[in-house]
Protein backbone atom coordinates (compact mmCIF):
# COMPACT_ATOMS: atom_id res chain seq x y z
CA MET A 1 69.73 71.52 77.94
CA THR A 2 72.29 68.80 76.68
CA ILE A 3 73.89 66.83 79.64
CA THR A 4 77.31 65.72 78.18
CA THR A 5 78.74 62.35 80.06
CA PRO A 6 82.35 62.38 80.97
CA PRO A 7 84.55 60.02 79.43
CA PRO A 8 85.52 57.02 81.54
CA LEU A 9 88.75 57.14 83.89
CA LEU A 10 90.09 54.47 82.05
CA GLU A 11 89.13 52.81 78.60
CA VAL A 12 91.03 49.46 77.40
CA ARG A 13 90.88 48.92 73.64
CA ASN A 14 92.04 45.94 71.98
CA LEU A 15 94.51 44.93 74.60
CA ARG A 16 96.98 42.17 73.89
CA LYS A 17 99.97 40.79 76.03
CA PHE A 18 101.72 37.79 74.07
CA PHE A 19 104.83 36.11 75.97
CA PRO A 20 107.40 34.31 73.56
CA ILE A 21 107.64 30.74 73.77
CA ARG A 22 111.53 30.22 73.17
CA ARG A 23 113.39 26.94 72.93
CA GLY A 24 116.57 25.22 71.92
CA PHE A 25 120.21 26.29 72.12
CA LEU A 26 119.45 29.59 69.99
CA ARG A 27 116.36 30.40 72.21
CA ARG A 28 114.32 30.73 69.00
CA THR A 29 110.57 31.83 69.35
CA MET A 30 108.38 28.86 68.56
CA GLY A 31 105.27 30.40 69.50
CA TYR A 32 103.40 32.71 72.07
CA VAL A 33 101.24 32.33 75.23
CA ARG A 34 98.08 34.65 74.42
CA ALA A 35 97.68 35.74 78.09
CA VAL A 36 95.47 38.64 77.31
CA ASP A 37 94.04 38.20 73.82
CA ASP A 38 92.02 41.51 72.31
CA ILE A 39 90.12 42.58 75.30
CA ASN A 40 87.97 45.82 75.71
CA PHE A 41 86.49 47.32 79.06
CA PHE A 42 86.11 50.80 80.53
CA ILE A 43 86.04 51.93 84.43
CA LYS A 44 84.13 55.00 85.25
CA GLU A 45 85.52 57.36 87.90
CA GLY A 46 84.08 56.40 91.25
CA GLU A 47 82.91 52.97 90.62
CA THR A 48 84.47 49.34 90.94
CA LEU A 49 84.87 47.12 88.13
CA GLY A 50 85.40 43.21 88.95
CA LEU A 51 87.71 41.45 86.62
CA VAL A 52 86.88 37.73 87.33
CA GLY A 53 87.48 33.92 86.08
CA GLU A 54 89.61 30.81 86.60
CA SER A 55 93.37 30.83 87.57
CA GLY A 56 95.51 31.55 84.48
CA CYS A 57 92.62 33.16 82.60
CA GLY A 58 94.85 36.58 82.20
CA LYS A 59 93.32 38.83 84.69
CA THR A 60 96.40 39.60 86.62
CA THR A 61 98.18 40.24 83.43
CA ALA A 62 95.68 42.65 82.14
CA SER A 63 95.83 44.58 85.60
CA ARG A 64 99.47 44.66 85.51
CA CYS A 65 99.49 46.02 81.86
CA VAL A 66 96.92 48.90 82.94
CA LEU A 67 99.43 49.80 85.50
CA ARG A 68 102.43 49.37 82.80
CA ALA A 69 104.01 47.03 85.16
CA LEU A 70 104.16 45.01 81.98
CA VAL A 71 104.40 46.45 78.39
CA PRO A 72 101.30 45.37 76.48
CA THR A 73 102.03 43.82 72.90
CA SER A 74 99.39 45.84 71.25
CA GLY A 75 96.17 48.20 72.18
CA GLN A 76 95.47 51.15 73.75
CA MET A 77 94.70 52.27 77.22
CA LEU A 78 93.30 55.61 77.62
CA PHE A 79 93.56 56.96 81.19
CA ARG A 80 91.94 60.38 82.09
CA THR A 81 94.52 62.51 83.95
CA ALA A 82 93.80 64.76 87.15
CA SER A 83 94.13 67.75 84.68
CA GLY A 84 91.37 66.12 82.18
CA ASP A 85 93.80 65.12 79.53
CA VAL A 86 93.45 61.90 77.99
CA VAL A 87 96.61 60.04 77.67
CA ASP A 88 97.52 56.41 76.25
CA LEU A 89 99.44 54.72 78.61
CA ALA A 90 100.55 51.90 76.28
CA LYS A 91 102.58 54.16 74.37
CA LEU A 92 104.16 56.20 77.21
CA ASN A 93 107.78 55.68 78.17
CA ARG A 94 109.29 55.32 81.70
CA ASP A 95 109.87 59.11 81.84
CA GLN A 96 106.58 60.06 80.68
CA LEU A 97 104.79 57.53 83.13
CA LYS A 98 106.82 58.80 86.20
CA PRO A 99 104.16 61.84 86.67
CA LEU A 100 101.23 59.34 86.31
CA ARG A 101 102.42 56.78 88.73
CA SER A 102 100.88 58.65 91.77
CA GLN A 103 97.51 58.59 90.20
CA MET A 104 97.56 54.53 89.56
CA GLN A 105 98.64 52.31 92.53
CA MET A 106 98.25 48.77 93.42
CA ILE A 107 97.17 46.65 96.47
CA PHE A 108 99.20 43.46 96.25
CA GLN A 109 97.77 40.04 96.78
CA ASP A 110 99.90 38.54 99.22
CA PRO A 111 100.16 40.86 102.50
CA TYR A 112 103.49 38.81 103.78
CA ALA A 113 105.53 38.72 100.54
CA SER A 114 104.69 42.47 99.51
CA LEU A 115 106.04 44.10 102.63
CA ASN A 116 109.85 44.50 102.99
CA PRO A 117 110.50 42.56 106.39
CA ARG A 118 113.63 44.91 106.82
CA MET A 119 111.57 48.36 106.59
CA THR A 120 109.60 49.73 109.47
CA LEU A 121 105.87 51.10 108.52
CA PHE A 122 107.20 54.59 108.47
CA ASP A 123 109.65 53.54 105.90
CA ILE A 124 107.19 51.17 104.12
CA VAL A 125 104.00 53.85 103.98
CA GLY A 126 106.51 56.56 103.63
CA GLU A 127 108.58 55.35 100.89
CA PRO A 128 106.28 56.62 97.88
CA LEU A 129 106.10 60.12 99.76
CA LEU A 130 109.72 60.36 99.69
CA ILE A 131 109.93 59.37 95.97
CA GLY A 132 107.12 61.82 95.36
CA GLY A 133 109.12 64.76 96.60
CA MET A 134 108.44 65.03 100.52
CA ARG A 135 111.77 65.32 101.74
CA HIS A 136 111.10 66.60 105.18
CA ARG A 137 110.97 63.75 107.77
CA ARG A 138 108.49 65.47 110.07
CA GLU A 139 106.22 66.18 107.24
CA ARG A 140 106.21 62.59 106.31
CA GLU A 141 105.69 61.28 109.66
CA GLU A 142 102.45 63.28 109.87
CA ARG A 143 101.23 62.00 106.62
CA VAL A 144 102.15 58.23 107.59
CA ALA A 145 100.32 58.68 110.94
CA GLU A 146 97.24 60.17 109.00
CA LEU A 147 97.36 57.20 106.67
CA LEU A 148 97.46 54.77 109.44
CA ARG A 149 94.67 56.01 111.23
CA LEU A 150 92.63 56.12 107.78
CA VAL A 151 93.31 52.36 107.57
CA GLY A 152 92.38 51.50 111.34
CA LEU A 153 95.94 51.31 112.63
CA ARG A 154 97.54 53.30 115.50
CA PRO A 155 100.27 55.62 114.73
CA GLU A 156 102.45 54.59 117.35
CA PHE A 157 103.05 51.44 115.36
CA MET A 158 104.96 53.23 112.38
CA GLN A 159 108.42 52.18 114.09
CA ARG A 160 107.45 48.50 113.92
CA PHE A 161 108.28 45.99 111.46
CA PRO A 162 105.93 43.87 109.56
CA HIS A 163 106.61 40.59 111.49
CA ALA A 164 104.78 42.02 114.54
CA PHE A 165 101.61 42.07 112.53
CA SER A 166 98.60 39.83 111.54
CA GLY A 167 97.84 39.21 107.93
CA GLY A 168 94.90 41.43 108.13
CA GLN A 169 96.84 44.19 109.74
CA ARG A 170 99.72 43.94 106.95
CA GLN A 171 97.06 44.15 104.12
CA ARG A 172 95.85 47.44 105.62
CA ILE A 173 99.59 48.53 105.70
CA GLY A 174 99.53 47.82 102.08
CA ILE A 175 96.41 49.64 101.50
CA ALA A 176 97.82 52.69 103.37
CA ARG A 177 100.96 52.41 101.03
CA ALA A 178 98.65 52.32 98.16
CA LEU A 179 96.75 55.70 99.14
CA ALA A 180 100.00 57.62 100.10
CA LEU A 181 100.00 59.78 96.96
CA ASN A 182 96.37 60.32 96.76
CA PRO A 183 95.65 57.66 93.75
CA ARG A 184 92.38 58.07 91.60
CA LEU A 185 92.58 54.36 90.44
CA VAL A 186 93.60 51.88 92.53
CA VAL A 187 94.16 47.97 91.41
CA ALA A 188 93.05 45.56 93.89
CA ASP A 189 94.96 42.01 92.90
CA GLU A 190 93.05 39.48 94.86
CA PRO A 191 93.67 41.64 97.99
CA VAL A 192 91.48 39.25 100.31
CA SER A 193 92.18 35.88 99.17
CA ALA A 194 95.23 35.41 101.57
CA LEU A 195 93.12 36.37 104.61
CA ASP A 196 91.01 34.43 106.97
CA VAL A 197 86.96 34.91 106.09
CA SER A 198 86.49 37.12 109.01
CA VAL A 199 89.24 39.40 108.10
CA GLN A 200 88.16 39.45 104.64
CA ALA A 201 84.86 41.01 105.40
CA GLN A 202 86.48 43.80 107.50
CA THR A 203 89.00 44.54 104.77
CA LEU A 204 86.15 44.99 102.21
CA ASN A 205 84.30 46.96 104.41
CA LEU A 206 87.56 49.13 104.79
CA LEU A 207 87.72 49.43 101.03
CA LEU A 208 84.19 50.48 100.59
CA ASP A 209 84.50 53.13 103.26
CA LEU A 210 87.90 54.61 101.71
CA GLN A 211 86.16 54.47 98.23
CA LYS A 212 83.38 56.82 99.61
CA ARG A 213 85.61 58.90 101.68
CA LEU A 214 88.33 59.32 98.86
CA HIS A 215 86.46 59.11 95.64
CA LEU A 216 88.30 56.20 94.53
CA THR A 217 88.13 53.96 91.60
CA TYR A 218 88.84 50.55 92.01
CA LEU A 219 89.82 47.53 89.40
CA PHE A 220 89.00 44.40 91.54
CA VAL A 221 90.53 41.38 90.41
CA SER A 222 89.44 38.26 92.18
CA HIS A 223 88.13 34.52 91.29
CA ASN A 224 85.73 34.83 94.51
CA LEU A 225 82.52 35.68 92.99
CA SER A 226 80.96 36.09 96.76
CA VAL A 227 83.47 39.05 97.22
CA VAL A 228 82.80 40.27 93.69
CA ARG A 229 79.13 40.49 94.53
CA HIS A 230 79.60 42.48 97.49
CA ILE A 231 81.97 44.98 96.32
CA CYS A 232 81.64 45.74 92.61
CA ASP A 233 79.25 47.70 90.60
CA ARG A 234 79.97 45.87 87.23
CA VAL A 235 81.81 42.64 86.70
CA THR A 236 83.97 41.50 83.80
CA VAL A 237 84.48 37.75 83.13
CA MET A 238 87.51 36.54 81.64
CA TYR A 239 88.23 32.93 80.02
CA VAL A 240 91.61 32.22 78.28
CA GLY A 241 92.81 35.50 77.76
CA LYS A 242 89.43 36.79 76.21
CA ILE A 243 86.43 38.72 77.99
CA VAL A 244 83.26 36.69 77.61
CA GLU A 245 80.69 38.85 79.60
CA THR A 246 80.41 42.21 81.12
CA ALA A 247 77.45 43.51 83.12
CA THR A 248 76.41 45.06 86.23
CA SER A 249 76.90 42.99 89.42
CA ASP A 250 73.18 42.16 89.94
CA GLU A 251 72.20 41.41 86.37
CA LEU A 252 75.40 39.18 85.97
CA PHE A 253 74.27 37.20 88.85
CA VAL A 254 70.61 36.97 88.12
CA ARG A 255 70.74 36.67 84.37
CA PRO A 256 73.94 35.66 82.94
CA ARG A 257 74.06 35.41 79.28
CA HIS A 258 77.32 33.23 78.48
CA PRO A 259 77.46 29.76 79.41
CA TYR A 260 80.75 30.10 81.37
CA THR A 261 79.45 32.64 83.30
CA THR A 262 76.51 29.98 84.32
CA ALA A 263 78.95 27.78 85.04
CA LEU A 264 81.04 29.89 87.43
CA LEU A 265 77.81 30.93 89.28
CA ALA A 266 76.77 27.11 89.48
CA ALA A 267 79.95 26.35 91.38
CA LEU A 268 79.33 29.03 93.83
CA PRO A 269 78.22 27.79 97.13
CA VAL A 270 74.99 29.02 98.69
CA ALA A 271 74.93 29.76 102.48
CA ASP A 272 71.68 27.74 103.09
CA PRO A 273 71.98 23.97 104.21
CA ARG A 274 68.44 23.38 102.86
CA VAL A 275 69.62 24.31 99.01
CA LYS A 276 71.06 21.57 97.16
CA SER A 277 74.68 22.11 95.63
CA SER A 278 74.05 22.23 91.82
CA ASN A 279 77.48 20.33 91.38
CA VAL A 280 78.09 21.73 87.74
CA GLU A 281 81.21 20.19 86.20
CA LEU A 282 82.57 21.17 83.15
CA PRO A 283 83.80 18.63 80.83
CA GLY A 284 87.06 18.72 79.27
CA GLU A 285 90.21 20.98 80.39
CA VAL A 286 90.80 24.81 80.28
CA ALA A 287 92.20 25.67 76.79
CA SER A 288 95.70 26.42 76.52
CA PRO A 289 96.63 30.05 75.97
CA ALA A 290 99.64 28.90 73.84
CA ASN A 291 97.47 26.78 71.41
CA PRO A 292 93.76 28.01 71.71
CA PRO A 293 90.88 26.08 69.93
CA SER A 294 89.49 27.59 66.69
CA GLY A 295 86.39 29.75 66.79
CA CYS A 296 84.85 30.08 70.63
CA TYR A 297 87.49 29.33 73.04
CA PHE A 298 84.82 28.03 75.25
CA HIS A 299 83.21 25.62 72.74
CA PRO A 300 85.28 22.15 73.85
CA ARG A 301 83.53 22.52 77.09
CA CYS A 302 80.08 24.30 76.19
CA GLU A 303 77.20 22.06 76.30
CA TYR A 304 75.27 24.95 74.00
CA CYS A 305 77.91 24.58 71.39
CA ILE A 306 76.85 24.32 67.60
CA ASP A 307 78.94 23.92 64.32
CA ARG A 308 79.47 27.83 64.13
CA CYS A 309 81.01 28.00 67.44
CA LYS A 310 83.79 25.47 66.34
CA THR A 311 85.19 27.56 63.49
CA GLU A 312 83.69 31.10 63.89
CA ALA A 313 84.95 33.53 66.82
CA PRO A 314 82.07 35.21 68.36
CA VAL A 315 81.95 38.98 68.57
CA TYR A 316 81.72 40.68 71.93
CA ARG A 317 78.56 42.65 71.61
CA GLU A 318 76.05 44.61 73.71
CA LEU A 319 73.04 42.61 73.87
CA THR A 320 70.99 45.04 76.18
CA PRO A 321 72.15 48.43 77.57
CA GLY A 322 75.29 47.98 79.67
CA HIS A 323 75.19 43.81 78.97
CA PHE A 324 77.85 42.54 76.48
CA ALA A 325 78.71 39.06 75.91
CA ALA A 326 80.82 37.05 73.32
CA CYS A 327 78.54 34.18 72.38
CA HIS A 328 76.83 33.30 69.28
CA ARG A 329 73.73 31.99 71.12
CA ALA A 330 73.48 34.83 73.61
CA ASP A 331 69.92 36.07 72.45
CA GLU A 332 68.27 32.69 72.38
CA LEU A 333 69.60 30.92 75.33
CA ASP A 334 67.72 31.17 78.81
CA LEU A 335 70.73 30.54 81.20
CA LYS A 336 70.26 30.21 85.02
CA GLY A 337 71.64 32.95 87.37
CA MET A 338 71.25 33.11 91.13
CA ALA A 339 68.49 33.78 93.44
């Protein structure tokens, strides 16, 4: 008997997002910022894919393109809907996207800026329900109460305003709002970076619990590798708008295949006072997405650089089953991971 593997929930192909650079009185376009430059990845239903990299690498821009908060310059974003149909989100107009909005939601980074201070919890969490067609107030109150219980808040809080809550509680409100319409894909953009460490752990455990209970799929955007290792099944590493490596979380942390990934892992502090910090510092500066170098974008900072790296862009290829990297020397390098 042949077992057919279902298509991924989301598959991104050759995605690009360029922002024009305009100067002068006539605002002529002088160039482009290559925020997302020809990336490919997929997310299986029920898994968590981590999207990591330094600030400015394009991970947030990529996630906003996936949700069509930004219109991509080119590429495909194939999304498998609840009915089983596969649609290209990049080609849909506003009216065509509206029925799909309930299946894709976002948890924002800043729990203070993402909530309207003039709206109560009932209005904040209930607004997607109202837009989705739930007109009866009593019905919305019951659903909001259910969502608040789901994220660990008391239903009596629904008439309070956001200023009455802590940062961790506000992020729980944001999570409740994202889950209001029973989405299948949730994009979490740095959801714990603005929280205290103890509250971060509570929020991450809540996200994991909700994923099991509601069968959610996460695209988890973060620069914190410790958080990514805890919550993600697979990890994709970005550098200056390009994806340089993708692998399962365990394999990426133990055996990285790209020098940039190794540098990120070396910068991660180890929770053991007996272990000496590696203090690896990359030379030079991060390349400008408005004027990237030729060949491999990482070559000016790479200690393993050869002449080929300076002139020829590496191909993003599968090295071992499920492990992809864009490095000319990935097969020959023995890079250090984490214990």
